[in-house]
Amino acid sequence: MATRTELPITPVGVAACCSPLTGGVLDEDSAQHLARVFKALGDPTRVRLISLIAAADGAEACICDLTEPVGLSQPTVSHHMRLLAEAGLVTREQRGKWAYFRLVADTFDALRTAISLDK
């Protein structure tokens, strides 16, 4: 079962062609959600985990393959992965006793659009 959170960054009243940051004022909910995503990415371990998943075969990684490269215990890596999943940056699929993670391309696309300075 994959877990995914949508990233509704584009504020109400702003054209989809424009960056939410330069196309108008973000509404409260969009600003809070965008801040949650940035907070999830504000930890160097979580950024490394994202990088490890992106570099893995098929852009998918088992939690068992993520602990050694970051030098943390499985429960600590699971905590970081839960925060990334709650921010909508990764999906989690349970296969037997192991969790597998994939990046959510749409979220990264929305994030790129949200912080673009293009008007």
PDB file of N, CA and C in Angstrom:
ATOM      1  N   MET A   1       0.838  -1.179   0.000  1.00  0.00           N
ATOM      2  CA  MET A   1       0.000   0.000   0.000  1.00  0.00           C
ATOM      3  C   MET A   1       0.879   1.236   0.000  1.00  0.00           C
ATOM      4  N   ALA A   2       0.717   2.088  -0.980  1.00  0.00           N
ATOM      5  CA  ALA A   2       1.525   3.296  -1.101  1.00  0.00           C
ATOM      6  C   ALA A   2       0.832   4.447  -0.380  1.00  0.00           C
ATOM      7  N   THR A   3       1.622   5.238   0.317  1.00  0.00           N
ATOM      8  CA  THR A   3       1.117   6.414   1.003  1.00  0.00           C
ATOM      9  C   THR A   3       1.580   7.634   0.241  1.00  0.00           C
ATOM     10  N   ARG A   4       0.661   8.569  -0.006  1.00  0.00           N
ATOM     11  CA  ARG A   4       1.021   9.756  -0.754  1.00  0.00           C
ATOM     12  C   ARG A   4       0.212  10.938  -0.261  1.00  0.00           C
ATOM     13  N   THR A   5       0.859  12.062  -0.132  1.00  0.00           N
ATOM     14  CA  THR A   5       0.208  13.301   0.244  1.00  0.00           C
ATOM     15  C   THR A   5       0.339  14.262  -0.928  1.00  0.00           C
ATOM     16  N   GLU A   6      -0.752  14.870  -1.337  1.00  0.00           N
ATOM     17  CA  GLU A   6      -0.713  15.827  -2.438  1.00  0.00           C
ATOM     18  C   GLU A   6      -0.020  17.113  -1.993  1.00  0.00           C
ATOM     19  N   LEU A   7       0.527  17.834  -2.944  1.00  0.00           N
ATOM     20  CA  LEU A   7       1.219  19.084  -2.660  1.00  0.00           C
ATOM     21  C   LEU A   7       0.489  20.227  -3.351  1.00  0.00           C
ATOM     22  N   PRO A   8      -0.583  20.758  -2.713  1.00  0.00           N
ATOM     23  CA  PRO A   8      -1.354  21.833  -3.336  1.00  0.00           C
ATOM     24  C   PRO A   8      -0.687  23.180  -3.115  1.00  0.00           C
ATOM     25  N   ILE A   9       0.391  23.420  -3.845  1.00  0.00           N
ATOM     26  CA  ILE A   9       1.169  24.630  -3.615  1.00  0.00           C
ATOM     27  C   ILE A   9       0.548  25.856  -4.291  1.00  0.00           C
ATOM     28  N   THR A  10      -0.037  25.684  -5.461  1.00  0.00           N
ATOM     29  CA  THR A  10      -0.562  26.831  -6.182  1.00  0.00           C
ATOM     30  C   THR A  10      -1.714  27.462  -5.413  1.00  0.00           C
ATOM     31  N   PRO A  11      -1.579  28.727  -5.006  1.00  0.00           N
ATOM     32  CA  PRO A  11      -2.632  29.380  -4.246  1.00  0.00           C
ATOM     33  C   PRO A  11      -3.834  29.724  -5.113  1.00  0.00           C
ATOM     34  N   VAL A  12      -4.950  29.915  -4.465  1.00  0.00           N
ATOM     35  CA  VAL A  12      -6.179  30.281  -5.144  1.00  0.00           C
ATOM     36  C   VAL A  12      -5.981  31.625  -5.852  1.00  0.00           C
ATOM     37  N   GLY A  13      -6.440  31.707  -7.087  1.00  0.00           N
ATOM     38  CA  GLY A  13      -6.365  32.969  -7.815  1.00  0.00           C
ATOM     39  C   GLY A  13      -5.067  33.186  -8.560  1.00  0.00           C
ATOM     40  N   VAL A  14      -4.124  32.243  -8.528  1.00  0.00           N
ATOM     41  CA  VAL A  14      -2.864  32.398  -9.247  1.00  0.00           C
ATOM     42  C   VAL A  14      -2.883  31.440 -10.430  1.00  0.00           C
ATOM     43  N   ALA A  15      -2.569  31.955 -11.596  1.00  0.00           N
ATOM     44  CA  ALA A  15      -2.574  31.125 -12.796  1.00  0.00           C
ATOM     45  C   ALA A  15      -1.536  30.018 -12.674  1.00  0.00           C
ATOM     46  N   ALA A  16      -1.858  28.845 -13.225  1.00  0.00           N
ATOM     47  CA  ALA A  16      -0.963  27.697 -13.152  1.00  0.00           C
ATOM     48  C   ALA A  16       0.355  27.947 -13.877  1.00  0.00           C
ATOM     49  N   CYS A  17       0.382  28.925 -14.792  1.00  0.00           N
ATOM     50  CA  CYS A  17       1.593  29.190 -15.550  1.00  0.00           C
ATOM     51  C   CYS A  17       2.628  29.955 -14.742  1.00  0.00           C
ATOM     52  N   CYS A  18       2.215  30.485 -13.620  1.00  0.00           N
ATOM     53  CA  CYS A  18       3.097  31.369 -12.857  1.00  0.00           C
ATOM     54  C   CYS A  18       3.577  30.712 -11.574  1.00  0.00           C
ATOM     55  N   SER A  19       4.747  31.113 -11.131  1.00  0.00           N
ATOM     56  CA  SER A  19       5.263  30.629  -9.856  1.00  0.00           C
ATOM     57  C   SER A  19       4.390  31.157  -8.730  1.00  0.00           C
ATOM     58  N   PRO A  20       3.978  30.300  -7.793  1.00  0.00           N
ATOM     59  CA  PRO A  20       3.182  30.772  -6.665  1.00  0.00           C
ATOM     60  C   PRO A  20       3.883  31.842  -5.837  1.00  0.00           C
ATOM     61  N   LEU A  21       5.206  31.809  -5.784  1.00  0.00           N
ATOM     62  CA  LEU A  21       5.915  32.805  -4.975  1.00  0.00           C
ATOM     63  C   LEU A  21       5.981  34.157  -5.651  1.00  0.00           C
ATOM     64  N   THR A  22       5.975  34.191  -6.994  1.00  0.00           N
ATOM     65  CA  THR A  22       6.052  35.469  -7.698  1.00  0.00           C
ATOM     66  C   THR A  22       4.753  35.826  -8.396  1.00  0.00           C
ATOM     67  N   GLY A  23       3.800  34.886  -8.454  1.00  0.00           N
ATOM     68  CA  GLY A  23       2.553  35.114  -9.172  1.00  0.00           C
ATOM     69  C   GLY A  23       1.451  35.692  -8.309  1.00  0.00           C
ATOM     70  N   GLY A  24       1.678  35.807  -7.021  1.00  0.00           N
ATOM     71  CA  GLY A  24       0.671  36.329  -6.116  1.00  0.00           C
ATOM     72  C   GLY A  24       0.991  35.916  -4.700  1.00  0.00           C
ATOM     73  N   VAL A  25       0.174  36.344  -3.785  1.00  0.00           N
ATOM     74  CA  VAL A  25       0.390  36.037  -2.376  1.00  0.00           C
ATOM     75  C   VAL A  25      -0.150  34.649  -2.063  1.00  0.00           C
ATOM     76  N   LEU A  26       0.670  33.838  -1.401  1.00  0.00           N
ATOM     77  CA  LEU A  26       0.229  32.504  -0.997  1.00  0.00           C
ATOM     78  C   LEU A  26      -0.863  32.611   0.057  1.00  0.00           C
ATOM     79  N   ASP A  27      -1.874  31.741  -0.044  1.00  0.00           N
ATOM     80  CA  ASP A  27      -2.865  31.684   1.022  1.00  0.00           C
ATOM     81  C   ASP A  27      -2.248  30.946   2.209  1.00  0.00           C
ATOM     82  N   GLU A  28      -2.879  31.018   3.362  1.00  0.00           N
ATOM     83  CA  GLU A  28      -2.354  30.450   4.603  1.00  0.00           C
ATOM     84  C   GLU A  28      -2.080  28.956   4.493  1.00  0.00           C
ATOM     85  N   ASP A  29      -3.028  28.193   3.950  1.00  0.00           N
ATOM     86  CA  ASP A  29      -2.858  26.740   3.843  1.00  0.00           C
ATOM     87  C   ASP A  29      -1.700  26.362   2.926  1.00  0.00           C
ATOM     88  N   SER A  30      -1.586  27.044   1.776  1.00  0.00           N
ATOM     89  CA  SER A  30      -0.500  26.748   0.842  1.00  0.00           C
ATOM     90  C   SER A  30       0.851  27.092   1.457  1.00  0.00           C
ATOM     91  N   ALA A  31       0.917  28.204   2.164  1.00  0.00           N
ATOM     92  CA  ALA A  31       2.172  28.601   2.808  1.00  0.00           C
ATOM     93  C   ALA A  31       2.577  27.599   3.884  1.00  0.00           C
ATOM     94  N   GLN A  32       1.609  27.132   4.670  1.00  0.00           N
ATOM     95  CA  GLN A  32       1.916  26.148   5.706  1.00  0.00           C
ATOM     96  C   GLN A  32       2.379  24.832   5.096  1.00  0.00           C
ATOM     97  N   HIS A  33       1.718  24.393   4.034  1.00  0.00           N
ATOM     98  CA  HIS A  33       2.100  23.136   3.403  1.00  0.00           C
ATOM     99  C   HIS A  33       3.486  23.242   2.776  1.00  0.00           C
ATOM    100  N   LEU A  34       3.750  24.334   2.093  1.00  0.00           N
ATOM    101  CA  LEU A  34       5.060  24.543   1.486  1.00  0.00           C
ATOM    102  C   LEU A  34       6.146  24.587   2.560  1.00  0.00           C
ATOM    103  N   ALA A  35       5.863  25.224   3.683  1.00  0.00           N
ATOM    104  CA  ALA A  35       6.819  25.272   4.786  1.00  0.00           C
ATOM    105  C   ALA A  35       7.097  23.878   5.342  1.00  0.00           C
ATOM    106  N   ARG A  36       6.062  23.014   5.413  1.00  0.00           N
ATOM    107  CA  ARG A  36       6.257  21.628   5.872  1.00  0.00           C
ATOM    108  C   ARG A  36       7.198  20.868   4.955  1.00  0.00           C
ATOM    109  N   VAL A  37       7.048  21.080   3.649  1.00  0.00           N
ATOM    110  CA  VAL A  37       7.917  20.408   2.689  1.00  0.00           C
ATOM    111  C   VAL A  37       9.353  20.894   2.868  1.00  0.00           C
ATOM    112  N   PHE A  38       9.533  22.211   2.990  1.00  0.00           N
ATOM    113  CA  PHE A  38      10.877  22.749   3.199  1.00  0.00           C
ATOM    114  C   PHE A  38      11.460  22.262   4.524  1.00  0.00           C
ATOM    115  N   LYS A  39      10.637  22.161   5.545  1.00  0.00           N
ATOM    116  CA  LYS A  39      11.120  21.660   6.835  1.00  0.00           C
ATOM    117  C   LYS A  39      11.593  20.221   6.700  1.00  0.00           C
ATOM    118  N   ALA A  40      10.847  19.406   5.951  1.00  0.00           N
ATOM    119  CA  ALA A  40      11.260  18.015   5.735  1.00  0.00           C
ATOM    120  C   ALA A  40      12.595  17.958   5.008  1.00  0.00           C
ATOM    121  N   LEU A  41      12.833  18.889   4.108  1.00  0.00           N
ATOM    122  CA  LEU A  41      14.087  18.929   3.362  1.00  0.00           C
ATOM    123  C   LEU A  41      15.185  19.692   4.098  1.00  0.00           C
ATOM    124  N   GLY A  42      14.860  20.252   5.253  1.00  0.00           N
ATOM    125  CA  GLY A  42      15.814  21.057   6.009  1.00  0.00           C
ATOM    126  C   GLY A  42      16.793  20.259   6.840  1.00  0.00           C
ATOM    127  N   ASP A  43      16.729  18.954   6.771  1.00  0.00           N
ATOM    128  CA  ASP A  43      17.629  18.099   7.533  1.00  0.00           C
ATOM    129  C   ASP A  43      18.588  17.416   6.555  1.00  0.00           C
ATOM    130  N   PRO A  44      19.903  17.495   6.791  1.00  0.00           N
ATOM    131  CA  PRO A  44      20.855  16.905   5.849  1.00  0.00           C
ATOM    132  C   PRO A  44      20.688  15.391   5.675  1.00  0.00           C
ATOM    133  N   THR A  45      20.282  14.701   6.719  1.00  0.00           N
ATOM    134  CA  THR A  45      20.062  13.255   6.594  1.00  0.00           C
ATOM    135  C   THR A  45      18.924  12.976   5.634  1.00  0.00           C
ATOM    136  N   ARG A  46      17.844  13.739   5.731  1.00  0.00           N
ATOM    137  CA  ARG A  46      16.706  13.521   4.829  1.00  0.00           C
ATOM    138  C   ARG A  46      17.066  13.865   3.393  1.00  0.00           C
ATOM    139  N   VAL A  47      17.887  14.884   3.192  1.00  0.00           N
ATOM    140  CA  VAL A  47      18.335  15.219   1.836  1.00  0.00           C
ATOM    141  C   VAL A  47      19.181  14.069   1.283  1.00  0.00           C
ATOM    142  N   ARG A  48      20.042  13.495   2.117  1.00  0.00           N
ATOM    143  CA  ARG A  48      20.839  12.334   1.685  1.00  0.00           C
ATOM    144  C   ARG A  48      19.944  11.151   1.359  1.00  0.00           C
ATOM    145  N   LEU A  49      18.916  10.918   2.162  1.00  0.00           N
ATOM    146  CA  LEU A  49      18.003   9.815   1.889  1.00  0.00           C
ATOM    147  C   LEU A  49      17.303   9.997   0.544  1.00  0.00           C
ATOM    148  N   ILE A  50      16.874  11.208   0.255  1.00  0.00           N
ATOM    149  CA  ILE A  50      16.267  11.518  -1.047  1.00  0.00           C
ATOM    150  C   ILE A  50      17.260  11.207  -2.158  1.00  0.00           C
ATOM    151  N   SER A  51      18.514  11.612  -1.962  1.00  0.00           N
ATOM    152  CA  SER A  51      19.554  11.378  -2.954  1.00  0.00           C
ATOM    153  C   SER A  51      19.809   9.889  -3.155  1.00  0.00           C
ATOM    154  N   LEU A  52      19.831   9.132  -2.068  1.00  0.00           N
ATOM    155  CA  LEU A  52      20.046   7.686  -2.159  1.00  0.00           C
ATOM    156  C   LEU A  52      18.926   7.001  -2.934  1.00  0.00           C
ATOM    157  N   ILE A  53      17.699   7.416  -2.693  1.00  0.00           N
ATOM    158  CA  ILE A  53      16.560   6.828  -3.408  1.00  0.00           C
ATOM    159  C   ILE A  53      16.633   7.183  -4.883  1.00  0.00           C
ATOM    160  N   ALA A  54      16.939   8.443  -5.189  1.00  0.00           N
ATOM    161  CA  ALA A  54      17.030   8.881  -6.585  1.00  0.00           C
ATOM    162  C   ALA A  54      18.118   8.116  -7.339  1.00  0.00           C
ATOM    163  N   ALA A  55      19.215   7.774  -6.648  1.00  0.00           N
ATOM    164  CA  ALA A  55      20.340   7.097  -7.287  1.00  0.00           C
ATOM    165  C   ALA A  55      20.178   5.572  -7.337  1.00  0.00           C
ATOM    166  N   ALA A  56      19.208   5.042  -6.624  1.00  0.00           N
ATOM    167  CA  ALA A  56      19.017   3.590  -6.565  1.00  0.00           C
ATOM    168  C   ALA A  56      18.464   3.048  -7.880  1.00  0.00           C
ATOM    169  N   ASP A  57      18.708   1.760  -8.115  1.00  0.00           N
ATOM    170  CA  ASP A  57      18.146   1.105  -9.297  1.00  0.00           C
ATOM    171  C   ASP A  57      16.634   1.261  -9.296  1.00  0.00           C
ATOM    172  N   GLY A  58      16.100   1.750 -10.407  1.00  0.00           N
ATOM    173  CA  GLY A  58      14.663   1.939 -10.522  1.00  0.00           C
ATOM    174  C   GLY A  58      14.130   3.068  -9.664  1.00  0.00           C
ATOM    175  N   ALA A  59      15.023   3.897  -9.122  1.00  0.00           N
ATOM    176  CA  ALA A  59      14.641   5.014  -8.248  1.00  0.00           C
ATOM    177  C   ALA A  59      13.734   4.543  -7.117  1.00  0.00           C
ATOM    178  N   GLU A  60      14.082   3.377  -6.560  1.00  0.00           N
ATOM    179  CA  GLU A  60      13.330   2.791  -5.461  1.00  0.00           C
ATOM    180  C   GLU A  60      14.345   2.187  -4.491  1.00  0.00           C
ATOM    181  N   ALA A  61      14.094   2.344  -3.193  1.00  0.00           N
ATOM    182  CA  ALA A  61      15.029   1.801  -2.205  1.00  0.00           C
ATOM    183  C   ALA A  61      14.280   1.195  -1.033  1.00  0.00           C
ATOM    184  N   CYS A  62      14.820   0.086  -0.553  1.00  0.00           N
ATOM    185  CA  CYS A  62      14.315  -0.569   0.648  1.00  0.00           C
ATOM    186  C   CYS A  62      14.915   0.131   1.861  1.00  0.00           C
ATOM    187  N   ILE A  63      14.153   0.211   2.925  1.00  0.00           N
ATOM    188  CA  ILE A  63      14.664   0.811   4.152  1.00  0.00           C
ATOM    189  C   ILE A  63      15.948   0.104   4.587  1.00  0.00           C
ATOM    190  N   CYS A  64      16.043  -1.186   4.304  1.00  0.00           N
ATOM    191  CA  CYS A  64      17.225  -1.960   4.691  1.00  0.00           C
ATOM    192  C   CYS A  64      18.482  -1.487   3.967  1.00  0.00           C
ATOM    193  N   ASP A  65      18.321  -0.840   2.815  1.00  0.00           N
ATOM    194  CA  ASP A  65      19.461  -0.333   2.050  1.00  0.00           C
ATOM    195  C   ASP A  65      19.795   1.120   2.375  1.00  0.00           C
ATOM    196  N   LEU A  66      18.997   1.751   3.213  1.00  0.00           N
ATOM    197  CA  LEU A  66      19.203   3.172   3.509  1.00  0.00           C
ATOM    198  C   LEU A  66      19.924   3.418   4.831  1.00  0.00           C
ATOM    199  N   THR A  67      19.942   2.442   5.707  1.00  0.00           N
ATOM    200  CA  THR A  67      20.509   2.670   7.046  1.00  0.00           C
ATOM    201  C   THR A  67      22.027   2.792   7.031  1.00  0.00           C
ATOM    202  N   GLU A  68      22.704   1.875   6.377  1.00  0.00           N
ATOM    203  CA  GLU A  68      24.173   1.892   6.387  1.00  0.00           C
ATOM    204  C   GLU A  68      24.767   3.159   5.769  1.00  0.00           C
ATOM    205  N   PRO A  69      24.307   3.599   4.598  1.00  0.00           N
ATOM    206  CA  PRO A  69      24.915   4.791   3.992  1.00  0.00           C
ATOM    207  C   PRO A  69      24.812   6.059   4.846  1.00  0.00           C
ATOM    208  N   VAL A  70      23.761   6.178   5.648  1.00  0.00           N
ATOM    209  CA  VAL A  70      23.630   7.379   6.489  1.00  0.00           C
ATOM    210  C   VAL A  70      24.143   7.148   7.902  1.00  0.00           C
ATOM    211  N   GLY A  71      24.499   5.897   8.206  1.00  0.00           N
ATOM    212  CA  GLY A  71      25.092   5.592   9.507  1.00  0.00           C
ATOM    213  C   GLY A  71      24.146   5.721  10.682  1.00  0.00           C
ATOM    214  N   LEU A  72      22.864   5.451  10.439  1.00  0.00           N
ATOM    215  CA  LEU A  72      21.865   5.555  11.502  1.00  0.00           C
ATOM    216  C   LEU A  72      21.130   4.227  11.655  1.00  0.00           C
ATOM    217  N   SER A  73      20.491   4.048  12.792  1.00  0.00           N
ATOM    218  CA  SER A  73      19.734   2.825  13.038  1.00  0.00           C
ATOM    219  C   SER A  73      18.470   2.804  12.179  1.00  0.00           C
ATOM    220  N   GLN A  74      17.920   1.604  11.996  1.00  0.00           N
ATOM    221  CA  GLN A  74      16.703   1.464  11.192  1.00  0.00           C
ATOM    222  C   GLN A  74      15.534   2.275  11.760  1.00  0.00           C
ATOM    223  N   PRO A  75      15.311   2.298  13.089  1.00  0.00           N
ATOM    224  CA  PRO A  75      14.212   3.119  13.602  1.00  0.00           C
ATOM    225  C   PRO A  75      14.394   4.618  13.316  1.00  0.00           C
ATOM    226  N   THR A  76      15.633   5.094  13.373  1.00  0.00           N
ATOM    227  CA  THR A  76      15.889   6.515  13.103  1.00  0.00           C
ATOM    228  C   THR A  76      15.659   6.825  11.631  1.00  0.00           C
ATOM    229  N   VAL A  77      16.125   5.951  10.746  1.00  0.00           N
ATOM    230  CA  VAL A  77      15.900   6.154   9.312  1.00  0.00           C
ATOM    231  C   VAL A  77      14.407   6.066   9.016  1.00  0.00           C
ATOM    232  N   SER A  78      13.700   5.153   9.660  1.00  0.00           N
ATOM    233  CA  SER A  78      12.242   5.048   9.473  1.00  0.00           C
ATOM    234  C   SER A  78      11.546   6.336   9.895  1.00  0.00           C
ATOM    235  N   HIS A  79      12.018   6.952  10.969  1.00  0.00           N
ATOM    236  CA  HIS A  79      11.450   8.229  11.422  1.00  0.00           C
ATOM    237  C   HIS A  79      11.634   9.297  10.336  1.00  0.00           C
ATOM    238  N   HIS A  80      12.857   9.395   9.803  1.00  0.00           N
ATOM    239  CA  HIS A  80      13.120  10.375   8.738  1.00  0.00           C
ATOM    240  C   HIS A  80      12.254  10.092   7.511  1.00  0.00           C
ATOM    241  N   MET A  81      12.110   8.809   7.163  1.00  0.00           N
ATOM    242  CA  MET A  81      11.317   8.459   5.988  1.00  0.00           C
ATOM    243  C   MET A  81       9.838   8.768   6.214  1.00  0.00           C
ATOM    244  N   ARG A  82       9.354   8.595   7.436  1.00  0.00           N
ATOM    245  CA  ARG A  82       7.964   8.932   7.738  1.00  0.00           C
ATOM    246  C   ARG A  82       7.729  10.430   7.508  1.00  0.00           C
ATOM    247  N   LEU A  83       8.676  11.261   7.936  1.00  0.00           N
ATOM    248  CA  LEU A  83       8.535  12.706   7.740  1.00  0.00           C
ATOM    249  C   LEU A  83       8.554  13.068   6.255  1.00  0.00           C
ATOM    250  N   LEU A  84       9.403  12.400   5.486  1.00  0.00           N
ATOM    251  CA  LEU A  84       9.430  12.646   4.043  1.00  0.00           C
ATOM    252  C   LEU A  84       8.128  12.197   3.377  1.00  0.00           C
ATOM    253  N   ALA A  85       7.573  11.085   3.839  1.00  0.00           N
ATOM    254  CA  ALA A  85       6.295  10.601   3.291  1.00  0.00           C
ATOM    255  C   ALA A  85       5.158  11.547   3.655  1.00  0.00           C
ATOM    256  N   GLU A  86       5.137  12.020   4.901  1.00  0.00           N
ATOM    257  CA  GLU A  86       4.087  12.960   5.324  1.00  0.00           C
ATOM    258  C   GLU A  86       4.158  14.267   4.542  1.00  0.00           C
ATOM    259  N   ALA A  87       5.352  14.651   4.115  1.00  0.00           N
ATOM    260  CA  ALA A  87       5.513  15.873   3.315  1.00  0.00           C
ATOM    261  C   ALA A  87       5.171  15.628   1.848  1.00  0.00           C
ATOM    262  N   GLY A  88       4.918  14.367   1.485  1.00  0.00           N
ATOM    263  CA  GLY A  88       4.549  14.052   0.108  1.00  0.00           C
ATOM    264  C   GLY A  88       5.731  13.901  -0.826  1.00  0.00           C
ATOM    265  N   LEU A  89       6.935  13.786  -0.279  1.00  0.00           N
ATOM    266  CA  LEU A  89       8.132  13.681  -1.111  1.00  0.00           C
ATOM    267  C   LEU A  89       8.437  12.249  -1.541  1.00  0.00           C
ATOM    268  N   VAL A  90       7.970  11.282  -0.778  1.00  0.00           N
ATOM    269  CA  VAL A  90       8.176   9.867  -1.115  1.00  0.00           C
ATOM    270  C   VAL A  90       6.878   9.102  -0.882  1.00  0.00           C
ATOM    271  N   THR A  91       6.777   7.960  -1.555  1.00  0.00           N
ATOM    272  CA  THR A  91       5.702   7.017  -1.254  1.00  0.00           C
ATOM    273  C   THR A  91       6.336   5.817  -0.576  1.00  0.00           C
ATOM    274  N   ARG A  92       5.552   5.143   0.216  1.00  0.00           N
ATOM    275  CA  ARG A  92       6.015   3.978   0.961  1.00  0.00           C
ATOM    276  C   ARG A  92       5.132   2.793   0.595  1.00  0.00           C
ATOM    277  N   GLU A  93       5.777   1.677   0.267  1.00  0.00           N
ATOM    278  CA  GLU A  93       5.054   0.455  -0.032  1.00  0.00           C
ATOM    279  C   GLU A  93       5.614  -0.661   0.841  1.00  0.00           C
ATOM    280  N   GLN A  94       4.744  -1.320   1.566  1.00  0.00           N
ATOM    281  CA  GLN A  94       5.153  -2.416   2.439  1.00  0.00           C
ATOM    282  C   GLN A  94       5.186  -3.700   1.641  1.00  0.00           C
ATOM    283  N   ARG A  95       6.321  -4.392   1.667  1.00  0.00           N
ATOM    284  CA  ARG A  95       6.469  -5.702   1.015  1.00  0.00           C
ATOM    285  C   ARG A  95       7.025  -6.662   2.055  1.00  0.00           C
ATOM    286  N   GLY A  96       6.136  -7.468   2.592  1.00  0.00           N
ATOM    287  CA  GLY A  96       6.547  -8.344   3.688  1.00  0.00           C
ATOM    288  C   GLY A  96       6.938  -7.498   4.883  1.00  0.00           C
ATOM    289  N   LYS A  97       8.114  -7.729   5.423  1.00  0.00           N
ATOM    290  CA  LYS A  97       8.535  -6.949   6.588  1.00  0.00           C
ATOM    291  C   LYS A  97       9.299  -5.682   6.214  1.00  0.00           C
ATOM    292  N   TRP A  98       9.574  -5.475   4.925  1.00  0.00           N
ATOM    293  CA  TRP A  98      10.375  -4.333   4.500  1.00  0.00           C
ATOM    294  C   TRP A  98       9.517  -3.252   3.841  1.00  0.00           C
ATOM    295  N   ALA A  99       9.897  -2.011   4.057  1.00  0.00           N
ATOM    296  CA  ALA A  99       9.251  -0.875   3.405  1.00  0.00           C
ATOM    297  C   ALA A  99      10.135  -0.412   2.257  1.00  0.00           C
ATOM    298  N   TYR A 100       9.504  -0.133   1.125  1.00  0.00           N
ATOM    299  CA  TYR A 100      10.209   0.371  -0.045  1.00  0.00           C
ATOM    300  C   TYR A 100       9.719   1.776  -0.336  1.00  0.00           C
ATOM    301  N   PHE A 101      10.643   2.640  -0.727  1.00  0.00           N
ATOM    302  CA  PHE A 101      10.326   4.047  -0.943  1.00  0.00           C
ATOM    303  C   PHE A 101      10.675   4.473  -2.354  1.00  0.00           C
ATOM    304  N   ARG A 102       9.815   5.337  -2.903  1.00  0.00           N
ATOM    305  CA  ARG A 102      10.022   5.959  -4.217  1.00  0.00           C
ATOM    306  C   ARG A 102       9.793   7.456  -4.068  1.00  0.00           C
ATOM    307  N   LEU A 103      10.497   8.226  -4.880  1.00  0.00           N
ATOM    308  CA  LEU A 103      10.267   9.674  -4.905  1.00  0.00           C
ATOM    309  C   LEU A 103       8.963   9.958  -5.640  1.00  0.00           C
ATOM    310  N   VAL A 104       8.301  11.024  -5.259  1.00  0.00           N
ATOM    311  CA  VAL A 104       7.064  11.449  -5.920  1.00  0.00           C
ATOM    312  C   VAL A 104       7.435  12.584  -6.874  1.00  0.00           C
ATOM    313  N   ALA A 105       7.597  12.232  -8.151  1.00  0.00           N
ATOM    314  CA  ALA A 105       8.046  13.203  -9.153  1.00  0.00           C
ATOM    315  C   ALA A 105       7.135  14.422  -9.210  1.00  0.00           C
ATOM    316  N   ASP A 106       5.827  14.217  -9.100  1.00  0.00           N
ATOM    317  CA  ASP A 106       4.887  15.349  -9.160  1.00  0.00           C
ATOM    318  C   ASP A 106       5.147  16.351  -8.042  1.00  0.00           C
ATOM    319  N   THR A 107       5.519  15.869  -6.874  1.00  0.00           N
ATOM    320  CA  THR A 107       5.798  16.770  -5.753  1.00  0.00           C
ATOM    321  C   THR A 107       7.041  17.598  -6.039  1.00  0.00           C
ATOM    322  N   PHE A 108       8.077  16.967  -6.569  1.00  0.00           N
ATOM    323  CA  PHE A 108       9.299  17.710  -6.888  1.00  0.00           C
ATOM    324  C   PHE A 108       9.043  18.701  -8.023  1.00  0.00           C
ATOM    325  N   ASP A 109       8.204  18.330  -8.984  1.00  0.00           N
ATOM    326  CA  ASP A 109       7.832  19.262 -10.053  1.00  0.00           C
ATOM    327  C   ASP A 109       7.078  20.463  -9.480  1.00  0.00           C
ATOM    328  N   ALA A 110       6.122  20.191  -8.581  1.00  0.00           N
ATOM    329  CA  ALA A 110       5.351  21.282  -7.961  1.00  0.00           C
ATOM    330  C   ALA A 110       6.254  22.165  -7.112  1.00  0.00           C
ATOM    331  N   LEU A 111       7.195  21.553  -6.416  1.00  0.00           N
ATOM    332  CA  LEU A 111       8.127  22.318  -5.594  1.00  0.00           C
ATOM    333  C   LEU A 111       9.006  23.208  -6.471  1.00  0.00           C
ATOM    334  N   ARG A 112       9.490  22.652  -7.572  1.00  0.00           N
ATOM    335  CA  ARG A 112      10.308  23.431  -8.508  1.00  0.00           C
ATOM    336  C   ARG A 112       9.509  24.620  -9.045  1.00  0.00           C
ATOM    337  N   THR A 113       8.262  24.400  -9.390  1.00  0.00           N
ATOM    338  CA  THR A 113       7.408  25.471  -9.885  1.00  0.00           C
ATOM    339  C   THR A 113       7.154  26.513  -8.810  1.00  0.00           C
ATOM    340  N   ALA A 114       6.940  26.047  -7.587  1.00  0.00           N
ATOM    341  CA  ALA A 114       6.616  26.962  -6.484  1.00  0.00           C
ATOM    342  C   ALA A 114       7.757  27.919  -6.178  1.00  0.00           C
ATOM    343  N   ILE A 115       8.992  27.457  -6.323  1.00  0.00           N
ATOM    344  CA  ILE A 115      10.111  28.328  -5.957  1.00  0.00           C
ATOM    345  C   ILE A 115      10.749  29.026  -7.157  1.00  0.00           C
ATOM    346  N   SER A 116      10.211  28.787  -8.339  1.00  0.00           N
ATOM    347  CA  SER A 116      10.725  29.429  -9.530  1.00  0.00           C
ATOM    348  C   SER A 116      10.480  30.932  -9.463  1.00  0.00           C
ATOM    349  N   LEU A 117      11.423  31.696  -9.965  1.00  0.00           N
ATOM    350  CA  LEU A 117      11.247  33.144  -9.983  1.00  0.00           C
ATOM    351  C   LEU A 117      10.626  33.608 -11.289  1.00  0.00           C
ATOM    352  N   ASP A 118      10.289  32.678 -12.179  1.00  0.00           N
ATOM    353  CA  ASP A 118       9.631  33.034 -13.447  1.00  0.00           C
ATOM    354  C   ASP A 118       8.233  33.558 -13.155  1.00  0.00           C
ATOM    355  N   LYS A 119       7.869  34.585 -13.870  1.00  0.00           N
ATOM    356  CA  LYS A 119       6.530  35.158 -13.714  1.00  0.00           C
ATOM    357  C   LYS A 119       5.679  34.795 -14.887  1.00  0.00           C
TER     358      LYS A 119
END
